[in-house]
């Protein structure tokens, strides 16, 4: 188990739901990855990221899907691609990423609480 944090620490992490509007293979990445463009609604807008999720997803299966991501990390250069958010997932039995998502459609931009 990790070190305990305060509720105020939790509130610093801005986790939102977005909708994948574009997804492209990222063959230049060191490990197989997919580039994602995610719409987080009017307040945050369109953000991009790359994710090592090729074991369970292909670009075409991701478009239109809702995902959950941290939107307040600073941008990070991933190879030649600038990642602006961190998409969240959990490992399956083999350690491959399974994306977190709401089990019912929700408005994009909604903050996790």
PDB file of N, CA and C in Angstrom:
ATOM      1  N   UNK A   1       0.846  -1.180   0.000  1.00  0.00           N
ATOM      2  CA  UNK A   1       0.000   0.000   0.000  1.00  0.00           C
ATOM      3  C   UNK A   1       0.886   1.236   0.000  1.00  0.00           C
ATOM      4  N   UNK A   2       0.438   2.280  -0.660  1.00  0.00           N
ATOM      5  CA  UNK A   2       1.172   3.537  -0.749  1.00  0.00           C
ATOM      6  C   UNK A   2       1.015   4.352   0.524  1.00  0.00           C
ATOM      7  N   UNK A   3       1.835   5.378   0.620  1.00  0.00           N
ATOM      8  CA  UNK A   3       1.750   6.323   1.729  1.00  0.00           C
ATOM      9  C   UNK A   3       0.383   7.009   1.716  1.00  0.00           C
ATOM     10  N   UNK A   4      -0.188   7.237   2.880  1.00  0.00           N
ATOM     11  CA  UNK A   4      -1.476   7.920   2.954  1.00  0.00           C
ATOM     12  C   UNK A   4      -1.323   9.382   2.562  1.00  0.00           C
ATOM     13  N   UNK A   5      -2.365   9.919   1.923  1.00  0.00           N
ATOM     14  CA  UNK A   5      -2.392  11.321   1.539  1.00  0.00           C
ATOM     15  C   UNK A   5      -3.632  11.973   2.147  1.00  0.00           C
ATOM     16  N   UNK A   6      -3.641  13.278   2.155  1.00  0.00           N
ATOM     17  CA  UNK A   6      -4.809  13.993   2.664  1.00  0.00           C
ATOM     18  C   UNK A   6      -5.832  14.142   1.541  1.00  0.00           C
ATOM     19  N   UNK A   7      -7.059  14.488   1.926  1.00  0.00           N
ATOM     20  CA  UNK A   7      -8.095  14.750   0.929  1.00  0.00           C
ATOM     21  C   UNK A   7      -7.692  15.936   0.060  1.00  0.00           C
ATOM     22  N   UNK A   8      -7.020  16.928   0.648  1.00  0.00           N
ATOM     23  CA  UNK A   8      -6.550  18.076  -0.136  1.00  0.00           C
ATOM     24  C   UNK A   8      -5.555  17.639  -1.202  1.00  0.00           C
ATOM     25  N   UNK A   9      -4.701  16.645  -0.886  1.00  0.00           N
ATOM     26  CA  UNK A   9      -3.777  16.104  -1.891  1.00  0.00           C
ATOM     27  C   UNK A   9      -4.554  15.489  -3.046  1.00  0.00           C
ATOM     28  N   UNK A  10      -5.594  14.737  -2.731  1.00  0.00           N
ATOM     29  CA  UNK A  10      -6.421  14.108  -3.752  1.00  0.00           C
ATOM     30  C   UNK A  10      -7.056  15.160  -4.661  1.00  0.00           C
ATOM     31  N   UNK A  11      -7.530  16.246  -4.062  1.00  0.00           N
ATOM     32  CA  UNK A  11      -8.194  17.288  -4.843  1.00  0.00           C
ATOM     33  C   UNK A  11      -7.254  17.980  -5.824  1.00  0.00           C
ATOM     34  N   UNK A  12      -5.951  17.891  -5.602  1.00  0.00           N
ATOM     35  CA  UNK A  12      -4.984  18.496  -6.519  1.00  0.00           C
ATOM     36  C   UNK A  12      -4.916  17.753  -7.852  1.00  0.00           C
ATOM     37  N   UNK A  13      -5.289  16.482  -7.860  1.00  0.00           N
ATOM     38  CA  UNK A  13      -5.242  15.678  -9.082  1.00  0.00           C
ATOM     39  C   UNK A  13      -6.571  15.867  -9.812  1.00  0.00           C
ATOM     40  N   UNK A  14      -6.513  16.460 -10.997  1.00  0.00           N
ATOM     41  CA  UNK A  14      -7.711  16.753 -11.783  1.00  0.00           C
ATOM     42  C   UNK A  14      -7.949  15.606 -12.767  1.00  0.00           C
ATOM     43  N   UNK A  15      -8.881  14.734 -12.424  1.00  0.00           N
ATOM     44  CA  UNK A  15      -9.195  13.551 -13.234  1.00  0.00           C
ATOM     45  C   UNK A  15     -10.540  13.794 -13.903  1.00  0.00           C
ATOM     46  N   UNK A  16     -10.542  13.736 -15.239  1.00  0.00           N
ATOM     47  CA  UNK A  16     -11.738  14.054 -16.027  1.00  0.00           C
ATOM     48  C   UNK A  16     -12.054  12.940 -17.018  1.00  0.00           C
ATOM     49  N   UNK A  17     -13.293  12.950 -17.487  1.00  0.00           N
ATOM     50  CA  UNK A  17     -13.703  12.037 -18.545  1.00  0.00           C
ATOM     51  C   UNK A  17     -13.658  12.794 -19.867  1.00  0.00           C
ATOM     52  N   UNK A  18     -13.177  12.102 -20.878  1.00  0.00           N
ATOM     53  CA  UNK A  18     -13.134  12.668 -22.218  1.00  0.00           C
ATOM     54  C   UNK A  18     -13.554  11.634 -23.240  1.00  0.00           C
ATOM     55  N   UNK A  19     -13.739  12.104 -24.469  1.00  0.00           N
ATOM     56  CA  UNK A  19     -14.141  11.218 -25.566  1.00  0.00           C
ATOM     57  C   UNK A  19     -13.035  11.207 -26.608  1.00  0.00           C
ATOM     58  N   UNK A  20     -12.577  10.024 -26.976  1.00  0.00           N
ATOM     59  CA  UNK A  20     -11.537   9.885 -27.995  1.00  0.00           C
ATOM     60  C   UNK A  20     -12.130  10.278 -29.344  1.00  0.00           C
ATOM     61  N   UNK A  21     -11.547  11.308 -29.969  1.00  0.00           N
ATOM     62  CA  UNK A  21     -12.043  11.762 -31.270  1.00  0.00           C
ATOM     63  C   UNK A  21     -11.121  11.340 -32.412  1.00  0.00           C
ATOM     64  N   UNK A  22      -9.891  10.972 -32.095  1.00  0.00           N
ATOM     65  CA  UNK A  22      -8.973  10.453 -33.109  1.00  0.00           C
ATOM     66  C   UNK A  22      -7.968   9.556 -32.406  1.00  0.00           C
ATOM     67  N   UNK A  23      -7.508   8.539 -33.110  1.00  0.00           N
ATOM     68  CA  UNK A  23      -6.507   7.604 -32.596  1.00  0.00           C
ATOM     69  C   UNK A  23      -5.673   7.123 -33.775  1.00  0.00           C
ATOM     70  N   UNK A  24      -4.358   7.148 -33.590  1.00  0.00           N
ATOM     71  CA  UNK A  24      -3.438   6.767 -34.658  1.00  0.00           C
ATOM     72  C   UNK A  24      -2.342   5.862 -34.100  1.00  0.00           C
ATOM     73  N   UNK A  25      -1.872   4.907 -34.893  1.00  0.00           N
ATOM     74  CA  UNK A  25      -0.729   4.111 -34.453  1.00  0.00           C
ATOM     75  C   UNK A  25       0.466   5.019 -34.179  1.00  0.00           C
ATOM     76  N   UNK A  26       1.326   4.601 -33.280  1.00  0.00           N
ATOM     77  CA  UNK A  26       2.542   5.353 -32.964  1.00  0.00           C
ATOM     78  C   UNK A  26       3.740   4.415 -33.103  1.00  0.00           C
ATOM     79  N   UNK A  27       4.092   4.054 -34.345  1.00  0.00           N
ATOM     80  CA  UNK A  27       5.157   3.075 -34.575  1.00  0.00           C
ATOM     81  C   UNK A  27       6.542   3.568 -34.156  1.00  0.00           C
ATOM     82  N   UNK A  28       6.729   4.877 -34.034  1.00  0.00           N
ATOM     83  CA  UNK A  28       8.040   5.412 -33.653  1.00  0.00           C
ATOM     84  C   UNK A  28       8.317   5.257 -32.156  1.00  0.00           C
ATOM     85  N   UNK A  29       7.319   4.936 -31.364  1.00  0.00           N
ATOM     86  CA  UNK A  29       7.500   4.786 -29.916  1.00  0.00           C
ATOM     87  C   UNK A  29       8.398   3.594 -29.613  1.00  0.00           C
ATOM     88  N   UNK A  30       9.135   3.686 -28.496  1.00  0.00           N
ATOM     89  CA  UNK A  30      10.016   2.574 -28.093  1.00  0.00           C
ATOM     90  C   UNK A  30       9.226   1.300 -27.831  1.00  0.00           C
ATOM     91  N   UNK A  31       8.073   1.432 -27.179  1.00  0.00           N
ATOM     92  CA  UNK A  31       7.173   0.310 -26.951  1.00  0.00           C
ATOM     93  C   UNK A  31       5.906   0.582 -27.757  1.00  0.00           C
ATOM     94  N   UNK A  32       5.223  -0.456 -28.240  1.00  0.00           N
ATOM     95  CA  UNK A  32       4.014  -0.235 -29.041  1.00  0.00           C
ATOM     96  C   UNK A  32       3.023   0.689 -28.320  1.00  0.00           C
ATOM     97  N   UNK A  33       2.536   1.688 -29.038  1.00  0.00           N
ATOM     98  CA  UNK A  33       1.644   2.678 -28.436  1.00  0.00           C
ATOM     99  C   UNK A  33       0.666   3.201 -29.473  1.00  0.00           C
ATOM    100  N   UNK A  34      -0.332   3.918 -28.968  1.00  0.00           N
ATOM    101  CA  UNK A  34      -1.335   4.568 -29.809  1.00  0.00           C
ATOM    102  C   UNK A  34      -1.409   6.030 -29.401  1.00  0.00           C
ATOM    103  N   UNK A  35      -1.430   6.924 -30.391  1.00  0.00           N
ATOM    104  CA  UNK A  35      -1.624   8.346 -30.129  1.00  0.00           C
ATOM    105  C   UNK A  35      -3.127   8.616 -30.077  1.00  0.00           C
ATOM    106  N   UNK A  36      -3.548   9.363 -29.055  1.00  0.00           N
ATOM    107  CA  UNK A  36      -4.962   9.662 -28.857  1.00  0.00           C
ATOM    108  C   UNK A  36      -5.186  11.167 -28.808  1.00  0.00           C
ATOM    109  N   UNK A  37      -6.278  11.614 -29.414  1.00  0.00           N
ATOM    110  CA  UNK A  37      -6.760  12.982 -29.283  1.00  0.00           C
ATOM    111  C   UNK A  37      -8.095  12.875 -28.571  1.00  0.00           C
ATOM    112  N   UNK A  38      -8.200  13.538 -27.414  1.00  0.00           N
ATOM    113  CA  UNK A  38      -9.350  13.369 -26.532  1.00  0.00           C
ATOM    114  C   UNK A  38     -10.032  14.712 -26.297  1.00  0.00           C
ATOM    115  N   UNK A  39     -11.343  14.737 -26.487  1.00  0.00           N
ATOM    116  CA  UNK A  39     -12.146  15.936 -26.237  1.00  0.00           C
ATOM    117  C   UNK A  39     -12.618  15.921 -24.792  1.00  0.00           C
ATOM    118  N   UNK A  40     -12.211  16.960 -24.024  1.00  0.00           N
ATOM    119  CA  UNK A  40     -12.624  17.091 -22.630  1.00  0.00           C
ATOM    120  C   UNK A  40     -13.657  18.196 -22.434  1.00  0.00           C
ATOM    121  N   UNK A  41     -14.306  18.628 -23.503  1.00  0.00           N
ATOM    122  CA  UNK A  41     -15.354  19.626 -23.395  1.00  0.00           C
ATOM    123  C   UNK A  41     -14.832  21.043 -23.479  1.00  0.00           C
ATOM    124  N   UNK A  42     -15.755  22.006 -23.356  1.00  0.00           N
ATOM    125  CA  UNK A  42     -15.459  23.416 -23.592  1.00  0.00           C
ATOM    126  C   UNK A  42     -14.399  23.993 -22.648  1.00  0.00           C
ATOM    127  N   UNK A  43     -14.403  23.594 -21.397  1.00  0.00           N
ATOM    128  CA  UNK A  43     -13.464  24.189 -20.431  1.00  0.00           C
ATOM    129  C   UNK A  43     -12.011  23.766 -20.665  1.00  0.00           C
ATOM    130  N   UNK A  44     -11.798  22.536 -21.068  1.00  0.00           N
ATOM    131  CA  UNK A  44     -10.434  22.008 -21.230  1.00  0.00           C
ATOM    132  C   UNK A  44     -10.066  21.867 -22.699  1.00  0.00           C
ATOM    133  N   UNK A  45     -11.012  21.457 -23.521  1.00  0.00           N
ATOM    134  CA  UNK A  45     -10.769  21.325 -24.949  1.00  0.00           C
ATOM    135  C   UNK A  45     -10.153  20.009 -25.344  1.00  0.00           C
ATOM    136  N   UNK A  46      -9.512  20.017 -26.496  1.00  0.00           N
ATOM    137  CA  UNK A  46      -8.889  18.833 -27.074  1.00  0.00           C
ATOM    138  C   UNK A  46      -7.476  18.691 -26.540  1.00  0.00           C
ATOM    139  N   UNK A  47      -7.154  17.513 -26.035  1.00  0.00           N
ATOM    140  CA  UNK A  47      -5.813  17.216 -25.542  1.00  0.00           C
ATOM    141  C   UNK A  47      -5.344  15.923 -26.193  1.00  0.00           C
ATOM    142  N   UNK A  48      -4.017  15.761 -26.266  1.00  0.00           N
ATOM    143  CA  UNK A  48      -3.460  14.563 -26.898  1.00  0.00           C
ATOM    144  C   UNK A  48      -2.550  13.831 -25.923  1.00  0.00           C
ATOM    145  N   UNK A  49      -2.382  12.544 -26.197  1.00  0.00           N
ATOM    146  CA  UNK A  49      -1.510  11.706 -25.386  1.00  0.00           C
ATOM    147  C   UNK A  49      -1.119  10.474 -26.192  1.00  0.00           C
ATOM    148  N   UNK A  50      -0.131   9.764 -25.706  1.00  0.00           N
ATOM    149  CA  UNK A  50       0.169   8.444 -26.258  1.00  0.00           C
ATOM    150  C   UNK A  50       0.037   7.443 -25.118  1.00  0.00           C
ATOM    151  N   UNK A  51      -0.404   6.249 -25.465  1.00  0.00           N
ATOM    152  CA  UNK A  51      -0.644   5.236 -24.443  1.00  0.00           C
ATOM    153  C   UNK A  51      -0.220   3.865 -24.952  1.00  0.00           C
ATOM    154  N   UNK A  52       0.394   3.098 -24.073  1.00  0.00           N
ATOM    155  CA  UNK A  52       0.824   1.739 -24.401  1.00  0.00           C
ATOM    156  C   UNK A  52      -0.337   0.786 -24.122  1.00  0.00           C
ATOM    157  N   UNK A  53      -1.298   0.795 -25.023  1.00  0.00           N
ATOM    158  CA  UNK A  53      -2.542   0.042 -24.836  1.00  0.00           C
ATOM    159  C   UNK A  53      -2.846  -0.889 -26.010  1.00  0.00           C
ATOM    160  N   UNK A  54      -1.823  -1.232 -26.775  1.00  0.00           N
ATOM    161  CA  UNK A  54      -2.039  -2.002 -28.005  1.00  0.00           C
ATOM    162  C   UNK A  54      -2.431  -3.456 -27.765  1.00  0.00           C
ATOM    163  N   UNK A  55      -2.254  -3.981 -26.567  1.00  0.00           N
ATOM    164  CA  UNK A  55      -2.627  -5.378 -26.306  1.00  0.00           C
ATOM    165  C   UNK A  55      -4.138  -5.582 -26.396  1.00  0.00           C
ATOM    166  N   UNK A  56      -4.904  -4.579 -25.967  1.00  0.00           N
ATOM    167  CA  UNK A  56      -6.360  -4.726 -25.932  1.00  0.00           C
ATOM    168  C   UNK A  56      -7.112  -3.798 -26.884  1.00  0.00           C
ATOM    169  N   UNK A  57      -6.407  -2.819 -27.465  1.00  0.00           N
ATOM    170  CA  UNK A  57      -7.089  -1.799 -28.264  1.00  0.00           C
ATOM    171  C   UNK A  57      -6.365  -1.553 -29.578  1.00  0.00           C
ATOM    172  N   UNK A  58      -7.122  -1.169 -30.573  1.00  0.00           N
ATOM    173  CA  UNK A  58      -6.579  -0.691 -31.842  1.00  0.00           C
ATOM    174  C   UNK A  58      -7.118   0.721 -32.033  1.00  0.00           C
ATOM    175  N   UNK A  59      -6.471   1.529 -32.873  1.00  0.00           N
ATOM    176  CA  UNK A  59      -6.971   2.897 -33.055  1.00  0.00           C
ATOM    177  C   UNK A  59      -8.452   2.968 -33.415  1.00  0.00           C
ATOM    178  N   UNK A  60      -8.893   2.098 -34.306  1.00  0.00           N
ATOM    179  CA  UNK A  60     -10.288   2.174 -34.747  1.00  0.00           C
ATOM    180  C   UNK A  60     -11.293   1.810 -33.648  1.00  0.00           C
ATOM    181  N   UNK A  61     -10.892   0.984 -32.668  1.00  0.00           N
ATOM    182  CA  UNK A  61     -11.822   0.630 -31.591  1.00  0.00           C
ATOM    183  C   UNK A  61     -11.887   1.706 -30.504  1.00  0.00           C
ATOM    184  N   UNK A  62     -10.978   2.665 -30.537  1.00  0.00           N
ATOM    185  CA  UNK A  62     -10.929   3.696 -29.500  1.00  0.00           C
ATOM    186  C   UNK A  62     -11.744   4.945 -29.836  1.00  0.00           C
ATOM    187  N   UNK A  63     -11.936   5.216 -31.108  1.00  0.00           N
ATOM    188  CA  UNK A  63     -12.652   6.428 -31.516  1.00  0.00           C
ATOM    189  C   UNK A  63     -14.102   6.359 -31.028  1.00  0.00           C
ATOM    190  N   UNK A  64     -14.521   7.416 -30.332  1.00  0.00           N
ATOM    191  CA  UNK A  64     -15.856   7.485 -29.765  1.00  0.00           C
ATOM    192  C   UNK A  64     -15.954   6.957 -28.346  1.00  0.00           C
ATOM    193  N   UNK A  65     -14.908   6.342 -27.851  1.00  0.00           N
ATOM    194  CA  UNK A  65     -14.895   5.752 -26.515  1.00  0.00           C
ATOM    195  C   UNK A  65     -14.629   6.818 -25.455  1.00  0.00           C
ATOM    196  N   UNK A  66     -15.304   6.717 -24.326  1.00  0.00           N
ATOM    197  CA  UNK A  66     -15.001   7.590 -23.196  1.00  0.00           C
ATOM    198  C   UNK A  66     -13.856   6.986 -22.393  1.00  0.00           C
ATOM    199  N   UNK A  67     -12.937   7.859 -21.956  1.00  0.00           N
ATOM    200  CA  UNK A  67     -11.793   7.447 -21.154  1.00  0.00           C
ATOM    201  C   UNK A  67     -11.645   8.408 -19.985  1.00  0.00           C
ATOM    202  N   UNK A  68     -10.881   7.987 -18.988  1.00  0.00           N
ATOM    203  CA  UNK A  68     -10.617   8.796 -17.811  1.00  0.00           C
ATOM    204  C   UNK A  68      -9.132   9.151 -17.817  1.00  0.00           C
ATOM    205  N   UNK A  69      -8.830  10.433 -17.540  1.00  0.00           N
ATOM    206  CA  UNK A  69      -7.439  10.878 -17.619  1.00  0.00           C
ATOM    207  C   UNK A  69      -7.151  11.979 -16.600  1.00  0.00           C
ATOM    208  N   UNK A  70      -5.886  12.059 -16.195  1.00  0.00           N
ATOM    209  CA  UNK A  70      -5.400  13.186 -15.401  1.00  0.00           C
ATOM    210  C   UNK A  70      -5.084  14.301 -16.390  1.00  0.00           C
ATOM    211  N   UNK A  71      -5.692  15.482 -16.172  1.00  0.00           N
ATOM    212  CA  UNK A  71      -5.540  16.571 -17.136  1.00  0.00           C
ATOM    213  C   UNK A  71      -4.657  17.711 -16.635  1.00  0.00           C
ATOM    214  N   UNK A  72      -4.143  17.623 -15.407  1.00  0.00           N
ATOM    215  CA  UNK A  72      -3.345  18.741 -14.898  1.00  0.00           C
ATOM    216  C   UNK A  72      -1.885  18.395 -14.639  1.00  0.00           C
ATOM    217  N   UNK A  73      -1.348  17.398 -15.321  1.00  0.00           N
ATOM    218  CA  UNK A  73       0.096  17.173 -15.335  1.00  0.00           C
ATOM    219  C   UNK A  73       0.712  18.095 -16.386  1.00  0.00           C
ATOM    220  N   UNK A  74       1.966  18.498 -16.220  1.00  0.00           N
ATOM    221  CA  UNK A  74       2.599  19.282 -17.281  1.00  0.00           C
ATOM    222  C   UNK A  74       2.802  18.409 -18.532  1.00  0.00           C
ATOM    223  N   UNK A  75       2.800  19.011 -19.723  1.00  0.00           N
ATOM    224  CA  UNK A  75       3.052  18.229 -20.941  1.00  0.00           C
ATOM    225  C   UNK A  75       4.393  17.501 -20.856  1.00  0.00           C
ATOM    226  N   UNK A  76       4.453  16.334 -21.509  1.00  0.00           N
ATOM    227  CA  UNK A  76       5.670  15.507 -21.470  1.00  0.00           C
ATOM    228  C   UNK A  76       5.980  15.018 -22.878  1.00  0.00           C
ATOM    229  N   UNK A  77       7.214  15.198 -23.275  1.00  0.00           N
ATOM    230  CA  UNK A  77       7.654  14.748 -24.597  1.00  0.00           C
ATOM    231  C   UNK A  77       7.819  13.241 -24.589  1.00  0.00           C
ATOM    232  N   UNK A  78       7.100  12.552 -25.477  1.00  0.00           N
ATOM    233  CA  UNK A  78       7.206  11.100 -25.635  1.00  0.00           C
ATOM    234  C   UNK A  78       7.698  10.868 -27.059  1.00  0.00           C
ATOM    235  N   UNK A  79       9.000  10.715 -27.219  1.00  0.00           N
ATOM    236  CA  UNK A  79       9.561  10.628 -28.561  1.00  0.00           C
ATOM    237  C   UNK A  79       9.350  11.948 -29.274  1.00  0.00           C
ATOM    238  N   UNK A  80       8.730  11.896 -30.450  1.00  0.00           N
ATOM    239  CA  UNK A  80       8.434  13.118 -31.215  1.00  0.00           C
ATOM    240  C   UNK A  80       7.036  13.662 -30.927  1.00  0.00           C
ATOM    241  N   UNK A  81       6.366  13.102 -29.934  1.00  0.00           N
ATOM    242  CA  UNK A  81       4.966  13.443 -29.653  1.00  0.00           C
ATOM    243  C   UNK A  81       4.866  14.066 -28.266  1.00  0.00           C
ATOM    244  N   UNK A  82       4.138  15.175 -28.157  1.00  0.00           N
ATOM    245  CA  UNK A  82       3.939  15.827 -26.873  1.00  0.00           C
ATOM    246  C   UNK A  82       2.661  15.295 -26.224  1.00  0.00           C
ATOM    247  N   UNK A  83       2.809  14.656 -25.072  1.00  0.00           N
ATOM    248  CA  UNK A  83       1.673  14.114 -24.346  1.00  0.00           C
ATOM    249  C   UNK A  83       1.179  15.157 -23.349  1.00  0.00           C
ATOM    250  N   UNK A  84      -0.125  15.447 -23.382  1.00  0.00           N
ATOM    251  CA  UNK A  84      -0.700  16.513 -22.561  1.00  0.00           C
ATOM    252  C   UNK A  84      -1.563  16.004 -21.409  1.00  0.00           C
ATOM    253  N   UNK A  85      -1.950  14.747 -21.429  1.00  0.00           N
ATOM    254  CA  UNK A  85      -2.751  14.149 -20.359  1.00  0.00           C
ATOM    255  C   UNK A  85      -2.248  12.733 -20.107  1.00  0.00           C
ATOM    256  N   UNK A  86      -2.661  12.159 -18.986  1.00  0.00           N
ATOM    257  CA  UNK A  86      -2.328  10.777 -18.663  1.00  0.00           C
ATOM    258  C   UNK A  86      -3.618   9.975 -18.601  1.00  0.00           C
ATOM    259  N   UNK A  87      -3.819   9.095 -19.592  1.00  0.00           N
ATOM    260  CA  UNK A  87      -4.983   8.225 -19.611  1.00  0.00           C
ATOM    261  C   UNK A  87      -4.776   7.150 -18.547  1.00  0.00           C
ATOM    262  N   UNK A  88      -5.836   6.844 -17.804  1.00  0.00           N
ATOM    263  CA  UNK A  88      -5.731   5.905 -16.690  1.00  0.00           C
ATOM    264  C   UNK A  88      -6.221   4.517 -17.056  1.00  0.00           C
ATOM    265  N   UNK A  89      -5.558   3.518 -16.497  1.00  0.00           N
ATOM    266  CA  UNK A  89      -5.935   2.134 -16.725  1.00  0.00           C
ATOM    267  C   UNK A  89      -5.449   1.259 -15.582  1.00  0.00           C
ATOM    268  N   UNK A  90      -5.797   0.004 -15.671  1.00  0.00           N
ATOM    269  CA  UNK A  90      -5.404  -1.001 -14.684  1.00  0.00           C
ATOM    270  C   UNK A  90      -4.774  -2.183 -15.405  1.00  0.00           C
ATOM    271  N   UNK A  91      -3.844  -2.889 -14.745  1.00  0.00           N
ATOM    272  CA  UNK A  91      -3.237  -4.051 -15.403  1.00  0.00           C
ATOM    273  C   UNK A  91      -4.156  -5.273 -15.357  1.00  0.00           C
ATOM    274  N   UNK A  92      -4.170  -6.015 -16.469  1.00  0.00           N
ATOM    275  CA  UNK A  92      -4.864  -7.297 -16.466  1.00  0.00           C
ATOM    276  C   UNK A  92      -3.927  -8.354 -15.880  1.00  0.00           C
ATOM    277  N   UNK A  93      -4.306  -9.619 -15.988  1.00  0.00           N
ATOM    278  CA  UNK A  93      -3.495 -10.702 -15.418  1.00  0.00           C
ATOM    279  C   UNK A  93      -2.086 -10.747 -15.999  1.00  0.00           C
ATOM    280  N   UNK A  94      -1.923 -10.301 -17.241  1.00  0.00           N
ATOM    281  CA  UNK A  94      -0.616 -10.329 -17.912  1.00  0.00           C
ATOM    282  C   UNK A  94       0.129  -9.002 -17.771  1.00  0.00           C
ATOM    283  N   UNK A  95      -0.461  -8.036 -17.049  1.00  0.00           N
ATOM    284  CA  UNK A  95       0.178  -6.743 -16.880  1.00  0.00           C
ATOM    285  C   UNK A  95      -0.117  -5.754 -17.990  1.00  0.00           C
ATOM    286  N   UNK A  96      -1.010  -6.111 -18.907  1.00  0.00           N
ATOM    287  CA  UNK A  96      -1.383  -5.212 -20.008  1.00  0.00           C
ATOM    288  C   UNK A  96      -2.476  -4.248 -19.549  1.00  0.00           C
ATOM    289  N   UNK A  97      -2.439  -3.030 -20.080  1.00  0.00           N
ATOM    290  CA  UNK A  97      -3.339  -1.977 -19.620  1.00  0.00           C
ATOM    291  C   UNK A  97      -4.765  -2.152 -20.147  1.00  0.00           C
ATOM    292  N   UNK A  98      -5.723  -2.067 -19.225  1.00  0.00           N
ATOM    293  CA  UNK A  98      -7.150  -2.012 -19.528  1.00  0.00           C
ATOM    294  C   UNK A  98      -7.602  -0.620 -19.090  1.00  0.00           C
ATOM    295  N   UNK A  99      -8.163   0.145 -20.005  1.00  0.00           N
ATOM    296  CA  UNK A  99      -8.540   1.530 -19.733  1.00  0.00           C
ATOM    297  C   UNK A  99      -9.672   1.647 -18.720  1.00  0.00           C
ATOM    298  N   UNK A 100      -9.596   2.689 -17.890  1.00  0.00           N
ATOM    299  CA  UNK A 100     -10.699   3.035 -17.000  1.00  0.00           C
ATOM    300  C   UNK A 100     -11.700   3.875 -17.777  1.00  0.00           C
ATOM    301  N   UNK A 101     -12.981   3.622 -17.555  1.00  0.00           N
ATOM    302  CA  UNK A 101     -14.036   4.360 -18.255  1.00  0.00           C
ATOM    303  C   UNK A 101     -15.321   4.254 -17.446  1.00  0.00           C
ATOM    304  N   UNK A 102     -16.209   5.248 -17.580  1.00  0.00           N
ATOM    305  CA  UNK A 102     -17.510   5.135 -16.909  1.00  0.00           C
ATOM    306  C   UNK A 102     -18.312   3.990 -17.499  1.00  0.00           C
ATOM    307  N   UNK A 103     -19.172   3.378 -16.676  1.00  0.00           N
ATOM    308  CA  UNK A 103     -19.983   2.273 -17.202  1.00  0.00           C
ATOM    309  C   UNK A 103     -21.297   2.744 -17.815  1.00  0.00           C
ATOM    310  N   UNK A 104     -21.550   4.061 -17.743  1.00  0.00           N
ATOM    311  CA  UNK A 104     -22.670   4.703 -18.432  1.00  0.00           C
ATOM    312  C   UNK A 104     -22.135   5.973 -19.078  1.00  0.00           C
ATOM    313  N   UNK A 105     -22.673   6.378 -20.219  1.00  0.00           N
ATOM    314  CA  UNK A 105     -22.210   7.636 -20.827  1.00  0.00           C
ATOM    315  C   UNK A 105     -22.430   8.824 -19.878  1.00  0.00           C
ATOM    316  N   UNK A 106     -21.424   9.691 -19.815  1.00  0.00           N
ATOM    317  CA  UNK A 106     -21.490  10.895 -18.995  1.00  0.00           C
ATOM    318  C   UNK A 106     -21.003  12.077 -19.837  1.00  0.00           C
ATOM    319  N   UNK A 107     -21.360  13.306 -19.462  1.00  0.00           N
ATOM    320  CA  UNK A 107     -20.889  14.455 -20.232  1.00  0.00           C
ATOM    321  C   UNK A 107     -19.366  14.567 -20.191  1.00  0.00           C
ATOM    322  N   UNK A 108     -18.749  14.862 -21.351  1.00  0.00           N
ATOM    323  CA  UNK A 108     -17.297  15.018 -21.381  1.00  0.00           C
ATOM    324  C   UNK A 108     -16.904  16.203 -20.514  1.00  0.00           C
ATOM    325  N   UNK A 109     -15.730  16.081 -19.914  1.00  0.00           N
ATOM    326  CA  UNK A 109     -15.224  17.137 -19.045  1.00  0.00           C
ATOM    327  C   UNK A 109     -15.581  16.943 -17.590  1.00  0.00           C
ATOM    328  N   UNK A 110     -16.469  15.995 -17.294  1.00  0.00           N
ATOM    329  CA  UNK A 110     -16.860  15.772 -15.904  1.00  0.00           C
ATOM    330  C   UNK A 110     -15.662  15.384 -15.057  1.00  0.00           C
ATOM    331  N   UNK A 111     -15.577  15.978 -13.873  1.00  0.00           N
ATOM    332  CA  UNK A 111     -14.462  15.708 -12.959  1.00  0.00           C
ATOM    333  C   UNK A 111     -14.814  14.554 -12.024  1.00  0.00           C
ATOM    334  N   UNK A 112     -13.854  13.660 -11.825  1.00  0.00           N
ATOM    335  CA  UNK A 112     -14.037  12.535 -10.916  1.00  0.00           C
ATOM    336  C   UNK A 112     -14.120  13.044  -9.486  1.00  0.00           C
ATOM    337  N   UNK A 113     -15.061  12.478  -8.741  1.00  0.00           N
ATOM    338  CA  UNK A 113     -15.138  12.773  -7.306  1.00  0.00           C
ATOM    339  C   UNK A 113     -15.696  11.578  -6.564  1.00  0.00           C
TER     340      UNK A 113
END
